[in-house]
């Protein structure tokens, strides 16, 4: 059995491998970064994760993931991915509720 610190380190490495670094701040002439680096969840990564959860039948987990994800990772395509997954799973009422939530989250429908 692994120690608690080893487990935390493995979990942190796993999480770090799932997010993509995004550069913030200026660069100097020698291209070294100045300023903090912030890791954000990109919309296409979130969409892939939601699709996988829906295919596994974990629709409720996918809804929770989307609603708890950063707003900059949410866009119309991501919401449509989840709505489509709900439709395929014949969760029509949930699909409609998500469609309504799109407007509540100020994401423009196409």
N, C-alpha and C. Protein backbone atom coordinates (compact mmCIF):
# COMPACT_ATOMS: atom_id res chain seq x y z
N UNK A 1 0.84 -1.18 0.00
CA UNK A 1 0.00 0.00 0.00
C UNK A 1 0.89 1.24 0.00
N UNK A 2 0.51 2.23 -0.81
CA UNK A 2 1.31 3.44 -0.91
C UNK A 2 1.04 4.35 0.29
N UNK A 3 2.04 5.17 0.59
CA UNK A 3 1.87 6.15 1.63
C UNK A 3 0.95 7.27 1.14
N UNK A 4 0.38 8.01 2.06
CA UNK A 4 -0.55 9.08 1.71
C UNK A 4 0.13 10.14 0.85
N UNK A 5 1.39 10.48 1.16
CA UNK A 5 2.08 11.51 0.38
C UNK A 5 2.34 11.03 -1.04
N UNK A 6 2.64 9.76 -1.22
CA UNK A 6 2.86 9.20 -2.55
C UNK A 6 1.56 9.21 -3.34
N UNK A 7 0.46 8.90 -2.69
CA UNK A 7 -0.84 8.92 -3.35
C UNK A 7 -1.20 10.33 -3.78
N UNK A 8 -0.95 11.32 -2.90
CA UNK A 8 -1.26 12.71 -3.25
C UNK A 8 -0.40 13.17 -4.42
N UNK A 9 0.87 12.79 -4.41
CA UNK A 9 1.77 13.17 -5.49
C UNK A 9 1.30 12.56 -6.81
N UNK A 10 0.91 11.29 -6.79
CA UNK A 10 0.42 10.62 -8.01
C UNK A 10 -0.86 11.28 -8.50
N UNK A 11 -1.75 11.64 -7.58
CA UNK A 11 -3.00 12.30 -7.97
C UNK A 11 -2.72 13.67 -8.57
N UNK A 12 -1.77 14.40 -8.00
CA UNK A 12 -1.42 15.73 -8.51
C UNK A 12 -0.81 15.62 -9.91
N UNK A 13 0.05 14.62 -10.12
CA UNK A 13 0.64 14.43 -11.44
C UNK A 13 -0.42 14.04 -12.46
N UNK A 14 -1.36 13.22 -12.06
CA UNK A 14 -2.44 12.83 -12.95
C UNK A 14 -3.28 14.04 -13.33
N UNK A 15 -3.60 14.88 -12.36
CA UNK A 15 -4.38 16.08 -12.63
C UNK A 15 -3.60 17.05 -13.51
N UNK A 16 -2.32 17.20 -13.25
CA UNK A 16 -1.49 18.11 -14.04
C UNK A 16 -1.39 17.65 -15.48
N UNK A 17 -1.44 16.36 -15.71
CA UNK A 17 -1.35 15.87 -17.09
C UNK A 17 -2.64 16.07 -17.85
N UNK A 18 -3.74 16.38 -17.15
CA UNK A 18 -5.03 16.54 -17.81
C UNK A 18 -5.35 17.98 -18.18
N UNK A 19 -4.59 18.94 -17.69
CA UNK A 19 -4.83 20.34 -18.03
C UNK A 19 -3.70 20.86 -18.88
N UNK A 20 -3.99 21.88 -19.66
CA UNK A 20 -3.01 22.43 -20.58
C UNK A 20 -2.55 23.77 -20.04
N UNK A 21 -1.22 23.98 -19.94
CA UNK A 21 -0.75 25.27 -19.45
C UNK A 21 -1.06 26.39 -20.43
N UNK A 22 -1.37 27.54 -19.91
CA UNK A 22 -1.65 28.70 -20.74
C UNK A 22 -0.74 29.83 -20.27
N UNK A 23 -0.04 30.45 -21.18
CA UNK A 23 0.93 31.46 -20.82
C UNK A 23 0.26 32.81 -20.61
N UNK A 24 0.67 33.48 -19.56
CA UNK A 24 0.24 34.84 -19.26
C UNK A 24 1.48 35.66 -19.01
N UNK A 25 1.44 36.91 -19.35
CA UNK A 25 2.57 37.78 -19.07
C UNK A 25 3.39 38.07 -20.32
N UNK A 26 4.29 38.99 -20.19
CA UNK A 26 5.10 39.42 -21.32
C UNK A 26 6.31 38.53 -21.49
N UNK A 27 6.96 38.66 -22.65
CA UNK A 27 8.21 37.95 -22.89
C UNK A 27 9.29 38.98 -23.16
N UNK A 28 10.51 38.63 -22.85
CA UNK A 28 11.64 39.52 -23.11
C UNK A 28 12.27 39.15 -24.43
N UNK A 29 13.35 39.84 -24.79
CA UNK A 29 14.01 39.59 -26.06
C UNK A 29 14.55 38.17 -26.17
N UNK A 30 14.94 37.58 -25.06
CA UNK A 30 15.48 36.22 -25.12
C UNK A 30 14.37 35.18 -24.93
N UNK A 31 13.11 35.61 -25.06
CA UNK A 31 11.93 34.73 -25.03
C UNK A 31 11.70 34.05 -23.69
N UNK A 32 12.27 34.57 -22.62
CA UNK A 32 11.94 34.00 -21.31
C UNK A 32 10.65 34.64 -20.83
N UNK A 33 9.80 33.84 -20.22
CA UNK A 33 8.49 34.31 -19.77
C UNK A 33 8.64 35.15 -18.52
N UNK A 34 7.84 36.19 -18.47
CA UNK A 34 7.76 37.02 -17.28
C UNK A 34 6.30 36.99 -16.84
N UNK A 35 6.06 36.69 -15.59
CA UNK A 35 4.69 36.66 -15.08
C UNK A 35 4.27 35.23 -14.77
N UNK A 36 3.13 35.09 -14.11
CA UNK A 36 2.68 33.78 -13.67
C UNK A 36 2.12 32.94 -14.81
N UNK A 37 2.21 31.64 -14.65
CA UNK A 37 1.61 30.70 -15.60
C UNK A 37 0.35 30.14 -14.96
N UNK A 38 -0.72 30.10 -15.71
CA UNK A 38 -1.99 29.63 -15.18
C UNK A 38 -2.49 28.47 -16.03
N UNK A 39 -2.90 27.41 -15.36
CA UNK A 39 -3.40 26.25 -16.08
C UNK A 39 -4.92 26.35 -16.18
N UNK A 40 -5.42 26.26 -17.39
CA UNK A 40 -6.85 26.35 -17.65
C UNK A 40 -7.33 25.12 -18.39
N UNK A 41 -8.59 24.84 -18.23
CA UNK A 41 -9.22 23.74 -18.96
C UNK A 41 -9.72 24.29 -20.28
N UNK A 42 -9.27 23.72 -21.37
CA UNK A 42 -9.68 24.18 -22.68
C UNK A 42 -11.01 23.54 -23.07
N UNK A 43 -11.84 24.26 -23.85
CA UNK A 43 -13.16 23.73 -24.21
C UNK A 43 -13.13 22.37 -24.90
N UNK A 44 -12.18 22.16 -25.81
CA UNK A 44 -12.17 20.87 -26.51
C UNK A 44 -11.80 19.72 -25.58
N UNK A 45 -11.00 19.99 -24.57
CA UNK A 45 -10.65 18.96 -23.59
C UNK A 45 -11.87 18.63 -22.74
N UNK A 46 -12.59 19.66 -22.31
CA UNK A 46 -13.81 19.45 -21.54
C UNK A 46 -14.83 18.68 -22.35
N UNK A 47 -14.96 19.01 -23.61
CA UNK A 47 -15.92 18.33 -24.48
C UNK A 47 -15.61 16.85 -24.62
N UNK A 48 -14.33 16.51 -24.76
CA UNK A 48 -13.92 15.11 -24.86
C UNK A 48 -14.24 14.36 -23.57
N UNK A 49 -13.99 14.99 -22.43
CA UNK A 49 -14.28 14.36 -21.14
C UNK A 49 -15.78 14.13 -20.97
N UNK A 50 -16.59 15.12 -21.35
CA UNK A 50 -18.04 14.98 -21.24
C UNK A 50 -18.56 13.86 -22.13
N UNK A 51 -18.04 13.81 -23.35
CA UNK A 51 -18.45 12.77 -24.28
C UNK A 51 -18.12 11.38 -23.74
N UNK A 52 -16.95 11.25 -23.15
CA UNK A 52 -16.54 9.96 -22.58
C UNK A 52 -17.47 9.56 -21.44
N UNK A 53 -17.78 10.50 -20.55
CA UNK A 53 -18.68 10.20 -19.44
C UNK A 53 -20.06 9.79 -19.96
N UNK A 54 -20.56 10.49 -20.97
CA UNK A 54 -21.87 10.16 -21.53
C UNK A 54 -21.85 8.76 -22.15
N UNK A 55 -20.79 8.43 -22.85
CA UNK A 55 -20.69 7.09 -23.46
C UNK A 55 -20.63 6.00 -22.41
N UNK A 56 -20.10 6.32 -21.23
CA UNK A 56 -20.04 5.35 -20.14
C UNK A 56 -21.34 5.29 -19.35
N UNK A 57 -22.31 6.14 -19.73
CA UNK A 57 -23.59 6.16 -19.04
C UNK A 57 -23.60 7.00 -17.78
N UNK A 58 -22.56 7.81 -17.58
CA UNK A 58 -22.45 8.64 -16.38
C UNK A 58 -22.92 10.07 -16.70
N UNK A 59 -24.18 10.17 -17.07
CA UNK A 59 -24.75 11.45 -17.50
C UNK A 59 -24.73 12.46 -16.35
N UNK A 60 -25.13 12.03 -15.16
CA UNK A 60 -25.17 12.95 -14.03
C UNK A 60 -23.77 13.48 -13.68
N UNK A 61 -22.77 12.62 -13.79
CA UNK A 61 -21.39 13.06 -13.55
C UNK A 61 -20.96 14.08 -14.60
N UNK A 62 -21.39 13.88 -15.84
CA UNK A 62 -21.05 14.82 -16.91
C UNK A 62 -21.70 16.18 -16.66
N UNK A 63 -22.94 16.18 -16.22
CA UNK A 63 -23.63 17.44 -15.92
C UNK A 63 -22.91 18.17 -14.78
N UNK A 64 -22.55 17.43 -13.75
CA UNK A 64 -21.84 18.03 -12.62
C UNK A 64 -20.50 18.60 -13.07
N UNK A 65 -19.79 17.87 -13.92
CA UNK A 65 -18.49 18.34 -14.41
C UNK A 65 -18.65 19.64 -15.18
N UNK A 66 -19.65 19.70 -16.06
CA UNK A 66 -19.84 20.91 -16.85
C UNK A 66 -20.21 22.10 -15.98
N UNK A 67 -21.12 21.89 -15.06
CA UNK A 67 -21.57 23.01 -14.22
C UNK A 67 -20.48 23.49 -13.27
N UNK A 68 -19.53 22.64 -12.94
CA UNK A 68 -18.43 23.03 -12.05
C UNK A 68 -17.16 23.44 -12.79
N UNK A 69 -17.19 23.40 -14.10
CA UNK A 69 -16.00 23.74 -14.88
C UNK A 69 -15.85 25.26 -14.99
N UNK A 70 -14.65 25.74 -15.26
CA UNK A 70 -14.44 27.19 -15.40
C UNK A 70 -15.28 27.75 -16.56
N UNK A 71 -15.73 28.97 -16.40
CA UNK A 71 -16.58 29.58 -17.43
C UNK A 71 -15.85 29.74 -18.76
N UNK A 72 -14.54 29.92 -18.73
CA UNK A 72 -13.82 30.08 -19.99
C UNK A 72 -13.68 28.75 -20.75
N UNK A 73 -14.02 27.65 -20.11
CA UNK A 73 -14.01 26.35 -20.79
C UNK A 73 -15.38 26.00 -21.34
N UNK A 74 -16.40 26.77 -20.97
CA UNK A 74 -17.76 26.51 -21.43
C UNK A 74 -18.06 27.35 -22.65
N UNK A 75 -18.49 26.69 -23.70
CA UNK A 75 -18.98 27.40 -24.87
C UNK A 75 -20.14 26.61 -25.46
N UNK A 76 -20.71 27.09 -26.53
CA UNK A 76 -21.89 26.46 -27.11
C UNK A 76 -21.60 25.03 -27.52
N UNK A 77 -20.46 24.78 -28.11
CA UNK A 77 -20.12 23.43 -28.56
C UNK A 77 -20.03 22.45 -27.38
N UNK A 78 -19.50 22.90 -26.26
CA UNK A 78 -19.38 22.04 -25.09
C UNK A 78 -20.77 21.70 -24.54
N UNK A 79 -21.62 22.72 -24.42
CA UNK A 79 -22.98 22.47 -23.96
C UNK A 79 -23.72 21.54 -24.92
N UNK A 80 -23.55 21.76 -26.21
CA UNK A 80 -24.20 20.90 -27.21
C UNK A 80 -23.72 19.46 -27.11
N UNK A 81 -22.46 19.26 -26.77
CA UNK A 81 -21.94 17.91 -26.59
C UNK A 81 -22.69 17.20 -25.47
N UNK A 82 -22.90 17.89 -24.37
CA UNK A 82 -23.62 17.29 -23.24
C UNK A 82 -25.09 17.07 -23.58
N UNK A 83 -25.71 18.04 -24.23
CA UNK A 83 -27.12 17.89 -24.62
C UNK A 83 -27.27 16.70 -25.55
N UNK A 84 -26.37 16.56 -26.51
CA UNK A 84 -26.41 15.43 -27.43
C UNK A 84 -26.24 14.10 -26.69
N UNK A 85 -25.34 14.06 -25.73
CA UNK A 85 -25.14 12.85 -24.93
C UNK A 85 -26.40 12.47 -24.16
N UNK A 86 -27.08 13.48 -23.63
CA UNK A 86 -28.34 13.23 -22.92
C UNK A 86 -29.42 12.71 -23.87
N UNK A 87 -29.47 13.27 -25.06
CA UNK A 87 -30.46 12.81 -26.05
C UNK A 87 -30.20 11.36 -26.44
N UNK A 88 -28.93 11.01 -26.64
CA UNK A 88 -28.60 9.63 -27.00
C UNK A 88 -28.97 8.66 -25.88
N UNK A 89 -28.89 9.14 -24.62
CA UNK A 89 -29.22 8.31 -23.47
C UNK A 89 -30.73 8.37 -23.16
N UNK A 90 -31.49 9.05 -24.02
CA UNK A 90 -32.95 9.19 -23.88
C UNK A 90 -33.33 9.91 -22.59
N UNK A 91 -32.50 10.87 -22.19
CA UNK A 91 -32.79 11.71 -21.02
C UNK A 91 -33.30 13.05 -21.57
N UNK A 92 -34.50 13.03 -22.14
CA UNK A 92 -35.03 14.17 -22.87
C UNK A 92 -35.33 15.37 -21.97
N UNK A 93 -35.87 15.12 -20.79
CA UNK A 93 -36.17 16.22 -19.88
C UNK A 93 -34.88 16.92 -19.45
N UNK A 94 -33.87 16.15 -19.13
CA UNK A 94 -32.58 16.73 -18.76
C UNK A 94 -31.98 17.50 -19.93
N UNK A 95 -32.13 16.99 -21.13
CA UNK A 95 -31.64 17.68 -22.32
C UNK A 95 -32.28 19.06 -22.45
N UNK A 96 -33.59 19.11 -22.23
CA UNK A 96 -34.30 20.38 -22.31
C UNK A 96 -33.85 21.33 -21.20
N UNK A 97 -33.68 20.81 -19.99
CA UNK A 97 -33.22 21.64 -18.88
C UNK A 97 -31.83 22.22 -19.15
N UNK A 98 -30.95 21.41 -19.74
CA UNK A 98 -29.62 21.91 -20.10
C UNK A 98 -29.70 22.98 -21.17
N UNK A 99 -30.61 22.79 -22.12
CA UNK A 99 -30.82 23.78 -23.18
C UNK A 99 -31.23 25.12 -22.57
N UNK A 100 -32.10 25.08 -21.57
CA UNK A 100 -32.52 26.29 -20.88
C UNK A 100 -31.36 26.89 -20.08
N UNK A 101 -30.54 26.03 -19.47
CA UNK A 101 -29.39 26.50 -18.69
C UNK A 101 -28.38 27.25 -19.54
N UNK A 102 -28.31 26.94 -20.82
CA UNK A 102 -27.37 27.63 -21.70
C UNK A 102 -27.64 29.13 -21.66
N UNK A 103 -28.90 29.52 -21.72
CA UNK A 103 -29.22 30.94 -21.70
C UNK A 103 -28.99 31.55 -20.31
N UNK A 104 -29.18 30.75 -19.26
CA UNK A 104 -28.93 31.25 -17.90
C UNK A 104 -27.46 31.53 -17.68
N UNK A 105 -26.60 30.80 -18.33
CA UNK A 105 -25.15 30.98 -18.18
C UNK A 105 -24.60 31.97 -19.19
N UNK A 106 -25.48 32.69 -19.86
CA UNK A 106 -25.09 33.73 -20.82
C UNK A 106 -24.22 33.18 -21.95
N UNK A 107 -24.48 31.94 -22.33
CA UNK A 107 -23.79 31.36 -23.47
C UNK A 107 -24.76 31.40 -24.64
N UNK A 108 -24.34 32.01 -25.71
CA UNK A 108 -25.24 32.21 -26.84
C UNK A 108 -25.47 30.92 -27.59
N UNK A 109 -26.74 30.66 -27.82
CA UNK A 109 -27.12 29.45 -28.58
C UNK A 109 -26.96 29.70 -30.05
N UNK A 110 -26.63 28.66 -30.79
CA UNK A 110 -26.50 28.81 -32.24
C UNK A 110 -27.69 28.20 -32.93
